[in-house]
Amino acid sequence: MYSDLTAMKKKSLAVVIVSNGPGELATWVKPVVDELNKINDTLHFKDKPGFALRLVLVPCPNATGKEFTVANSWNKFELITKSKNFWELLIKPSSFANWPKKGIVIFLGGDQFWSILLAKRLGYLNITYAEWISRWPQWTNEIAAMNVKVKELIPKRYKNKCQIIGDLMADIKLNSEISLKDKEKHHIALLPGSKKTKLSIGIPFFLEIADHIAKKNQNINFIIPIAPTTNKSEYLFFQSERNPIAKYYSSKIKTIKNIKDSSFDYVIETSKNTKIYVIKKHPCYEILKECDLAITTVGANTAELAAISLPMLVVLPTQHLNMMNAWDGIFGVIGKISFINRFQTFIVKYFYFKKKKFFAWPNIKAKKMIVPERIGNISPINIAREALFLIKNRDQLKNISDNLLKERGGKGAAKKLAYMIFNSIKKLY
């Protein structure tokens, strides 16, 4: 699919960026593309490299379906391939465009293997941005690592491919027009999950946490950055009696109302009169950066929170594992058979949870406890008490934030990666 930018002028070289979801587009792709254009604009020599800048979107479970529109609005790419066309592109690239004989494929989101596969298919070089790990160093030409730890994980014979450039997330330019206006209050972000299996537990559990906190401290605002893969109808469903897990919790949603002239889209009011402000914008780092604390379930969201150094309390209630018959997929199907359900619960509890040391992404990568994790038969009231304790003890929150920052990389990564790309371009001419 062509973007609005072009008449597809014939270029001797292509720079192809591979990415997936809204977060990666905003925080990885945009800064790198901007730096790439800045460098190109400063070059005035006669044989200035002319390259076709293209974007290939790959399948992603967290995609909103609006990635093409967002990227196209930047007016930076002469060709954008939608994720639904990725396999067709691999099979027959010429059906989408003429591809120069030389080029570079840059991984900036998704599965690293897709960018390597595309590079091999097109006969191009490959540069991989490795935030935590370079999974296929033997097949990539260059690796741009977030920090020293990433390089240390690369086998010795491939380390010469790696440059440490820093953290692309550190180059995020936050929109100062979007902010939490009430500076007198504390703000807690609630992230109950994005998949139905997590929401079935997360919605009733997190509503009750908010009610317990609000009962003890009226000076706290609650915020939910709603995942792009869910909506308010699912929130209503999972707090209702149609969700068998909801019967174990007393907190319910009384109303969900739209908000005008606000940074938020709507406000949830619980049956106990607690207000929770919901924002649909994704990613919404401008809002999250101003929060004091996040209470979150396990998953990729813990990595995103770590990237902005937001202190978090990670929770995973395991007391409802016997209700897997309410889950989606194969676990839900076989969970309807009672003896299999009991066996399944036993296996998960006593082998998976006992064996796994850490669940939060920053803890897994650091191989130590940086952010608190509460896994097991936990209650909303105990999580609420711990959250209140952290809010009162600012030094502990700062310590968590500082430790998260240490695990990331320095600023200037977008510029360094852009120069890596240009150096590769020069080698191809």
Protein backbone atom coordinates (compact mmCIF):
# COMPACT_ATOMS: atom_id res chain seq x y z
CA MET A 1 0.00 0.00 0.00
CA TYR A 2 1.51 3.30 -1.05
CA SER A 3 1.61 6.18 1.38
CA ASP A 4 0.45 9.67 0.41
CA LEU A 5 4.08 10.79 0.14
CA THR A 6 5.04 9.30 -3.10
CA ALA A 7 5.01 8.77 -6.70
CA MET A 8 7.50 5.97 -5.93
CA LYS A 9 10.58 7.50 -7.50
CA LYS A 10 13.14 4.92 -8.46
CA LYS A 11 15.94 4.82 -5.89
CA SER A 12 19.12 2.78 -5.91
CA LEU A 13 18.75 1.66 -2.29
CA ALA A 14 15.94 0.90 0.17
CA VAL A 15 15.86 1.40 3.94
CA VAL A 16 13.10 -0.84 5.28
CA ILE A 17 11.92 -0.51 8.87
CA VAL A 18 10.09 -3.48 10.39
CA SER A 19 7.76 -2.72 13.30
CA ASN A 20 4.46 -3.80 14.82
CA GLY A 21 2.33 -2.10 17.48
CA PRO A 22 1.44 1.48 18.43
CA GLY A 23 4.00 1.68 21.23
CA GLU A 24 6.92 0.71 18.99
CA LEU A 25 5.83 3.13 16.26
CA ALA A 26 5.66 6.06 18.68
CA THR A 27 8.75 5.34 20.76
CA TRP A 28 11.15 3.53 18.43
CA VAL A 29 10.28 4.18 14.79
CA LYS A 30 9.36 7.89 14.91
CA PRO A 31 12.53 9.07 16.75
CA VAL A 32 14.80 7.04 14.44
CA VAL A 33 13.07 8.25 11.27
CA ASP A 34 13.28 11.87 12.46
CA GLU A 35 17.02 11.51 13.16
CA LEU A 36 17.55 9.76 9.83
CA ASN A 37 15.94 12.67 7.99
CA LYS A 38 17.93 15.23 10.01
CA ILE A 39 21.21 13.59 9.08
CA ASN A 40 20.18 13.29 5.44
CA ASP A 41 19.26 16.99 5.34
CA THR A 42 22.70 18.01 6.64
CA LEU A 43 24.54 16.13 3.90
CA HIS A 44 25.39 18.32 0.94
CA PHE A 45 27.95 16.33 -1.00
CA LYS A 46 27.43 15.59 -4.68
CA ASP A 47 26.88 11.87 -4.37
CA LYS A 48 24.42 12.12 -1.48
CA PRO A 49 22.76 8.73 -1.08
CA GLY A 50 19.21 8.63 -2.33
CA PHE A 51 17.25 5.93 -0.57
CA ALA A 52 13.66 4.78 -0.45
CA LEU A 53 12.37 4.80 3.14
CA ARG A 54 9.75 2.10 3.64
CA LEU A 55 7.84 0.64 6.57
CA VAL A 56 6.71 -2.97 6.90
CA LEU A 57 4.18 -3.67 9.64
CA VAL A 58 4.21 -7.22 10.99
CA PRO A 59 1.45 -9.17 12.80
CA CYS A 60 1.05 -8.17 16.45
CA PRO A 61 -1.56 -9.28 19.04
CA ASN A 62 -1.53 -5.79 20.59
CA ALA A 63 -2.02 -3.90 17.34
CA THR A 64 -4.95 -1.48 17.12
CA GLY A 65 -5.43 -1.69 13.36
CA LYS A 66 -4.60 2.03 13.11
CA GLU A 67 -0.84 1.62 12.71
CA PHE A 68 -0.93 2.29 8.96
CA THR A 69 -2.95 5.49 9.42
CA VAL A 70 -0.64 6.74 12.18
CA ALA A 71 2.56 6.05 10.24
CA ASN A 72 1.09 7.44 7.03
CA SER A 73 0.18 10.71 8.79
CA TRP A 74 3.89 11.38 9.40
CA ASN A 75 4.40 11.66 5.64
CA LYS A 76 7.85 10.05 5.95
CA PHE A 77 7.51 6.75 4.06
CA GLU A 78 7.09 6.19 0.36
CA LEU A 79 5.70 2.72 0.98
CA ILE A 80 3.91 1.22 3.99
CA THR A 81 2.95 -2.44 3.97
CA LYS A 82 0.10 -3.42 6.29
CA SER A 83 0.55 -6.34 8.67
CA LYS A 84 -2.17 -8.37 6.93
CA ASN A 85 -0.02 -8.30 3.77
CA PHE A 86 3.22 -9.38 5.44
CA TRP A 87 3.15 -13.01 4.28
CA GLU A 88 2.18 -11.99 0.77
CA LEU A 89 5.12 -9.57 0.79
CA LEU A 90 7.49 -12.38 1.77
CA ILE A 91 6.17 -14.66 -0.95
CA LYS A 92 6.13 -12.08 -3.75
CA PRO A 93 7.75 -8.71 -2.90
CA SER A 94 7.36 -7.45 -6.47
CA SER A 95 3.56 -7.45 -6.09
CA PHE A 96 3.89 -4.42 -3.80
CA ALA A 97 6.68 -2.39 -5.40
CA ASN A 98 9.95 -2.42 -7.24
CA TRP A 99 12.66 -3.25 -4.75
CA PRO A 100 16.18 -1.88 -5.29
CA LYS A 101 18.90 -4.51 -5.52
CA LYS A 102 20.57 -3.12 -2.40
CA GLY A 103 19.04 -2.24 0.93
CA ILE A 104 18.90 -2.52 4.70
CA VAL A 105 16.15 -3.98 6.89
CA ILE A 106 16.00 -2.52 10.40
CA PHE A 107 14.21 -4.29 13.23
CA LEU A 108 12.25 -1.84 15.40
CA GLY A 109 9.46 -3.96 16.82
CA GLY A 110 7.74 -7.32 16.55
CA ASP A 111 9.61 -10.60 16.31
CA GLN A 112 13.27 -10.20 15.36
CA PHE A 113 12.97 -13.25 13.13
CA TRP A 114 10.53 -11.48 10.79
CA SER A 115 13.05 -8.76 9.97
CA ILE A 116 15.79 -11.33 9.34
CA LEU A 117 13.44 -13.36 7.13
CA LEU A 118 12.50 -10.25 5.14
CA ALA A 119 16.15 -9.21 4.77
CA LYS A 120 17.07 -12.66 3.46
CA ARG A 121 14.12 -12.64 1.07
CA LEU A 122 15.08 -9.23 -0.35
CA GLY A 123 18.82 -9.91 -0.26
CA TYR A 124 19.36 -6.94 2.07
CA LEU A 125 21.54 -6.28 5.10
CA ASN A 126 19.90 -6.47 8.52
CA ILE A 127 20.28 -4.26 11.60
CA THR A 128 18.55 -5.39 14.81
CA TYR A 129 17.77 -3.07 17.70
CA ALA A 130 18.07 -5.33 20.76
CA GLU A 131 16.32 -3.95 23.82
CA TRP A 132 16.88 -7.01 26.02
CA ILE A 133 18.39 -9.72 23.83
CA SER A 134 19.61 -10.34 20.28
CA ARG A 135 17.91 -13.62 19.41
CA TRP A 136 19.53 -14.38 16.05
CA PRO A 137 23.01 -12.80 16.08
CA GLN A 138 24.32 -15.37 13.61
CA TRP A 139 21.93 -14.12 10.92
CA THR A 140 21.96 -10.38 11.48
CA ASN A 141 24.66 -8.07 10.11
CA GLU A 142 24.69 -5.50 12.89
CA ILE A 143 23.22 -5.30 16.38
CA ALA A 144 22.31 -2.03 18.10
CA ALA A 145 22.16 -2.88 21.81
CA MET A 146 20.34 -0.95 24.53
CA ASN A 147 23.06 -1.55 27.11
CA VAL A 148 26.14 -3.58 28.09
CA LYS A 149 24.02 -6.44 29.44
CA VAL A 150 22.57 -7.08 25.99
CA LYS A 151 26.06 -7.30 24.50
CA GLU A 152 27.20 -9.66 27.26
CA LEU A 153 24.47 -12.13 26.26
CA ILE A 154 25.73 -12.31 22.67
CA PRO A 155 28.05 -15.27 21.94
CA LYS A 156 31.69 -14.21 21.76
CA ARG A 157 32.06 -14.90 18.03
CA TYR A 158 29.27 -12.41 17.22
CA LYS A 159 30.12 -9.61 19.66
CA ASN A 160 31.98 -7.68 16.95
CA LYS A 161 28.60 -7.10 15.26
CA CYS A 162 27.29 -5.21 18.29
CA GLN A 163 27.33 -1.51 19.15
CA ILE A 164 25.84 -0.15 22.37
CA ILE A 165 23.64 2.80 21.42
CA GLY A 166 21.41 3.29 24.48
CA ASP A 167 17.68 3.29 25.10
CA LEU A 168 15.31 4.44 22.34
CA MET A 169 12.64 4.96 25.00
CA ALA A 170 14.89 7.56 26.66
CA ASP A 171 14.48 9.74 23.57
CA ILE A 172 10.70 9.99 23.91
CA LYS A 173 9.50 13.58 23.52
CA LEU A 174 6.52 13.91 25.80
CA ASN A 175 3.66 16.21 24.86
CA SER A 176 3.63 18.87 27.57
CA GLU A 177 0.04 19.78 26.67
CA ILE A 178 -1.15 16.44 28.05
CA SER A 179 -0.69 16.21 31.78
CA LEU A 180 -2.39 15.51 35.07
CA LYS A 181 -3.75 18.89 36.11
CA ASP A 182 -4.35 18.08 39.76
CA LYS A 183 -0.80 18.23 41.11
CA GLU A 184 -2.02 18.24 44.71
CA LYS A 185 -3.15 14.62 44.51
CA HIS A 186 -1.24 11.37 44.15
CA HIS A 187 -1.93 9.28 41.07
CA ILE A 188 -2.00 5.50 40.78
CA ALA A 189 -2.20 3.76 37.40
CA LEU A 190 -4.11 0.48 37.29
CA LEU A 191 -3.24 -2.05 34.58
CA PRO A 192 -5.47 -5.14 34.95
CA GLY A 193 -4.41 -6.70 31.63
CA SER A 194 -5.44 -6.76 28.01
CA LYS A 195 -6.36 -10.39 27.30
CA LYS A 196 -9.67 -11.91 28.40
CA THR A 197 -8.01 -14.49 30.64
CA LYS A 198 -6.36 -11.71 32.64
CA LEU A 199 -9.32 -9.34 32.56
CA SER A 200 -11.63 -12.00 34.02
CA ILE A 201 -9.57 -11.83 37.22
CA GLY A 202 -8.07 -8.38 36.81
CA ILE A 203 -11.23 -6.29 36.51
CA PRO A 204 -12.98 -7.40 39.75
CA PHE A 205 -9.65 -7.65 41.61
CA PHE A 206 -8.40 -4.19 40.61
CA LEU A 207 -11.76 -2.50 41.21
CA GLU A 208 -11.64 -3.79 44.77
CA ILE A 209 -8.05 -2.59 45.22
CA ALA A 210 -9.13 0.91 44.15
CA ASP A 211 -12.08 0.89 46.56
CA HIS A 212 -9.88 -0.17 49.49
CA ILE A 213 -7.29 2.52 48.73
CA ALA A 214 -9.93 5.23 48.27
CA LYS A 215 -11.52 4.32 51.60
CA LYS A 216 -8.23 5.01 53.41
CA ASN A 217 -6.93 7.92 51.34
CA GLN A 218 -9.16 10.39 49.47
CA ASN A 219 -6.12 12.21 48.07
CA ILE A 220 -5.44 9.63 45.34
CA ASN A 221 -6.67 9.62 41.76
CA PHE A 222 -6.88 6.36 39.82
CA ILE A 223 -6.08 6.02 36.13
CA ILE A 224 -6.56 3.11 33.74
CA PRO A 225 -4.70 3.32 30.41
CA ILE A 226 -7.07 0.97 28.63
CA ALA A 227 -5.32 -1.50 26.33
CA PRO A 228 -6.03 -1.00 22.60
CA THR A 229 -7.23 -4.61 22.35
CA THR A 230 -10.08 -4.12 24.83
CA ASN A 231 -12.96 -1.70 25.47
CA LYS A 232 -15.38 -0.54 28.14
CA SER A 233 -17.94 -3.22 27.19
CA GLU A 234 -15.47 -5.89 28.29
CA TYR A 235 -14.90 -4.04 31.55
CA LEU A 236 -18.64 -4.11 32.19
CA PHE A 237 -18.83 -7.80 31.29
CA PHE A 238 -16.00 -8.95 33.55
CA GLN A 239 -17.30 -7.11 36.62
CA SER A 240 -20.77 -8.59 36.17
CA GLU A 241 -22.30 -11.88 37.32
CA ARG A 242 -21.61 -13.28 33.84
CA ASN A 243 -18.00 -13.59 34.95
CA PRO A 244 -17.92 -16.39 37.57
CA ILE A 245 -14.84 -14.87 39.25
CA ALA A 246 -16.63 -11.55 39.93
CA LYS A 247 -18.80 -13.17 42.63
CA TYR A 248 -15.74 -13.33 44.92
CA TYR A 249 -15.47 -9.52 44.97
CA SER A 250 -17.89 -6.88 46.19
CA SER A 251 -16.74 -3.94 44.06
CA LYS A 252 -18.78 -3.30 40.92
CA ILE A 253 -19.03 -0.62 38.25
CA LYS A 254 -21.94 1.71 38.89
CA THR A 255 -21.48 3.94 35.84
CA ILE A 256 -19.11 4.63 32.96
CA LYS A 257 -19.50 8.15 31.59
CA ASN A 258 -17.79 9.97 28.74
CA ILE A 259 -15.71 13.03 29.65
CA LYS A 260 -15.38 16.10 27.45
CA ASP A 261 -12.51 18.62 27.48
CA SER A 262 -10.21 16.30 29.40
CA SER A 263 -7.06 14.23 28.92
CA PHE A 264 -9.28 11.23 29.70
CA ASP A 265 -12.02 9.61 27.65
CA TYR A 266 -14.38 8.45 30.38
CA VAL A 267 -14.70 7.95 34.09
CA ILE A 268 -15.70 4.77 35.92
CA GLU A 269 -17.56 5.17 39.19
CA THR A 270 -17.66 2.07 41.37
CA SER A 271 -20.54 0.96 43.56
CA LYS A 272 -18.52 2.39 46.47
CA ASN A 273 -18.22 5.79 44.74
CA THR A 274 -14.56 5.50 43.77
CA LYS A 275 -13.74 7.30 40.53
CA ILE A 276 -11.29 5.80 38.03
CA TYR A 277 -10.29 7.85 34.98
CA VAL A 278 -9.83 5.95 31.73
CA ILE A 279 -7.63 7.00 28.82
CA LYS A 280 -7.76 5.32 25.40
CA LYS A 281 -4.68 7.01 23.90
CA HIS A 282 -1.97 4.44 23.36
CA PRO A 283 0.76 4.77 24.31
CA CYS A 284 0.03 7.41 26.96
CA TYR A 285 3.46 7.87 28.50
CA GLU A 286 2.75 11.56 29.14
CA ILE A 287 0.12 10.54 31.68
CA LEU A 288 1.90 7.51 33.09
CA LYS A 289 5.13 9.45 33.68
CA GLU A 290 3.26 11.70 36.09
CA CYS A 291 1.86 8.84 38.17
CA ASP A 292 3.42 7.97 41.51
CA LEU A 293 2.84 4.24 41.22
CA ALA A 294 1.40 1.59 38.93
CA ILE A 295 -0.38 -1.54 40.11
CA THR A 296 -0.16 -4.01 37.26
CA THR A 297 -0.60 -7.61 36.31
CA VAL A 298 2.32 -9.52 34.77
CA GLY A 299 3.15 -9.17 31.09
CA ALA A 300 4.73 -6.87 28.51
CA ASN A 301 3.23 -3.87 30.31
CA THR A 302 5.82 -4.33 33.07
CA ALA A 303 8.53 -3.73 30.44
CA GLU A 304 6.79 -0.57 29.21
CA LEU A 305 6.46 0.78 32.75
CA ALA A 306 10.11 -0.05 33.39
CA ALA A 307 11.08 1.87 30.26
CA ILE A 308 9.68 5.09 31.75
CA SER A 309 11.04 4.20 35.22
CA LEU A 310 7.58 4.16 36.79
CA PRO A 311 7.56 2.34 40.16
CA MET A 312 5.18 -0.60 40.05
CA LEU A 313 3.61 -3.22 42.26
CA VAL A 314 3.16 -6.40 40.22
CA VAL A 315 0.31 -8.72 41.20
CA LEU A 316 -0.81 -12.16 40.06
CA PRO A 317 -3.67 -13.74 42.03
CA THR A 318 -3.51 -17.52 41.64
CA GLN A 319 -6.55 -18.46 43.73
CA HIS A 320 -8.81 -18.64 40.66
CA LEU A 321 -6.77 -21.11 38.63
CA ASN A 322 -9.43 -23.76 39.24
CA MET A 323 -11.80 -21.62 37.18
CA MET A 324 -9.91 -22.18 33.94
CA ASN A 325 -13.15 -23.36 32.39
CA ALA A 326 -13.97 -19.66 32.10
CA TRP A 327 -10.79 -19.04 30.13
CA ASP A 328 -10.38 -18.83 26.36
CA GLY A 329 -8.49 -21.31 24.22
CA ILE A 330 -7.35 -24.84 25.00
CA PHE A 331 -7.12 -24.22 28.77
CA GLY A 332 -10.80 -23.28 28.77
CA VAL A 333 -11.84 -26.30 26.70
CA ILE A 334 -10.05 -28.95 28.74
CA GLY A 335 -10.74 -27.04 31.97
CA LYS A 336 -14.43 -27.92 31.61
CA ILE A 337 -13.53 -31.53 32.45
CA SER A 338 -13.42 -31.53 36.26
CA PHE A 339 -10.57 -33.99 36.95
CA ILE A 340 -8.43 -32.39 34.21
CA ASN A 341 -9.20 -28.98 35.71
CA ARG A 342 -7.90 -30.11 39.12
CA PHE A 343 -4.81 -31.72 37.60
CA GLN A 344 -4.17 -28.66 35.46
CA THR A 345 -4.39 -26.37 38.49
CA PHE A 346 -2.00 -28.60 40.44
CA ILE A 347 0.58 -28.58 37.62
CA VAL A 348 0.46 -24.80 37.19
CA LYS A 349 0.62 -24.05 40.92
CA TYR A 350 3.24 -26.51 42.04
CA PHE A 351 5.52 -26.67 39.03
CA TYR A 352 5.23 -23.45 37.03
CA PHE A 353 4.83 -21.00 39.92
CA LYS A 354 7.28 -22.80 42.20
CA LYS A 355 9.95 -23.08 39.51
CA LYS A 356 9.67 -19.57 38.08
CA LYS A 357 11.73 -17.13 40.12
CA PHE A 358 10.51 -13.80 38.72
CA PHE A 359 7.42 -12.73 36.78
CA ALA A 360 7.89 -9.00 36.13
CA TRP A 361 9.95 -8.25 33.03
CA PRO A 362 12.44 -5.90 34.75
CA ASN A 363 13.08 -8.50 37.48
CA ILE A 364 13.54 -11.28 34.93
CA LYS A 365 16.08 -9.26 32.98
CA ALA A 366 17.93 -7.96 36.06
CA LYS A 367 17.84 -11.44 37.65
CA LYS A 368 16.95 -9.79 40.92
CA MET A 369 13.97 -8.16 42.61
CA ILE A 370 13.77 -4.54 41.44
CA VAL A 371 10.00 -4.10 41.62
CA PRO A 372 7.85 -5.87 44.22
CA GLU A 373 5.93 -8.93 43.01
CA ARG A 374 2.97 -10.39 44.84
CA ILE A 375 2.15 -13.81 43.42
CA GLY A 376 -0.19 -16.36 44.95
CA ASN A 377 -3.34 -16.33 47.06
CA ILE A 378 -3.34 -12.56 47.49
CA SER A 379 -6.19 -10.27 48.44
CA PRO A 380 -7.11 -6.78 47.17
CA ILE A 381 -6.99 -5.36 50.70
CA ASN A 382 -3.38 -6.49 51.23
CA ILE A 383 -2.32 -5.05 47.87
CA ALA A 384 -4.13 -1.81 48.76
CA ARG A 385 -2.25 -1.62 52.08
CA GLU A 386 1.09 -2.09 50.34
CA ALA A 387 0.24 0.55 47.74
CA LEU A 388 -0.68 3.01 50.49
CA PHE A 389 2.59 2.24 52.27
CA LEU A 390 4.58 2.94 49.09
CA ILE A 391 2.71 6.19 48.43
CA LYS A 392 3.61 7.39 51.93
CA ASN A 393 7.25 6.31 51.62
CA ARG A 394 8.59 8.41 48.77
CA ASP A 395 12.15 7.21 49.27
CA GLN A 396 11.12 3.65 48.43
CA LEU A 397 9.37 4.80 45.27
CA LYS A 398 12.43 6.79 44.23
CA ASN A 399 14.66 3.80 44.91
CA ILE A 400 12.52 1.59 42.65
CA SER A 401 12.55 4.25 39.92
CA ASP A 402 16.33 4.70 40.14
CA ASN A 403 16.92 0.95 39.92
CA LEU A 404 14.66 0.70 36.87
CA LEU A 405 16.61 3.50 35.24
CA LYS A 406 19.92 1.70 35.86
CA GLU A 407 18.68 -1.35 33.97
CA ARG A 408 17.95 0.67 30.85
CA GLY A 409 20.35 2.59 28.61
CA GLY A 410 21.44 6.17 28.00
CA LYS A 411 19.90 8.87 25.82
CA GLY A 412 20.79 9.61 22.21
CA ALA A 413 20.03 6.11 20.93
CA ALA A 414 17.89 7.29 18.00
CA LYS A 415 20.71 9.47 16.67
CA LYS A 416 23.31 6.72 17.09
CA LEU A 417 21.11 4.18 15.32
CA ALA A 418 20.50 6.65 12.48
CA TYR A 419 24.28 7.00 12.04
CA MET A 420 24.65 3.20 12.06
CA ILE A 421 22.12 3.06 9.23
CA PHE A 422 23.94 5.78 7.26
CA ASN A 423 27.27 4.04 7.69
CA SER A 424 25.71 0.86 6.30
CA ILE A 425 24.25 2.85 3.39
CA LYS A 426 27.71 4.20 2.53
CA LYS A 427 29.13 0.67 2.44
CA LEU A 428 26.49 -0.35 -0.09
CA TYR A 429 27.28 2.49 -2.52
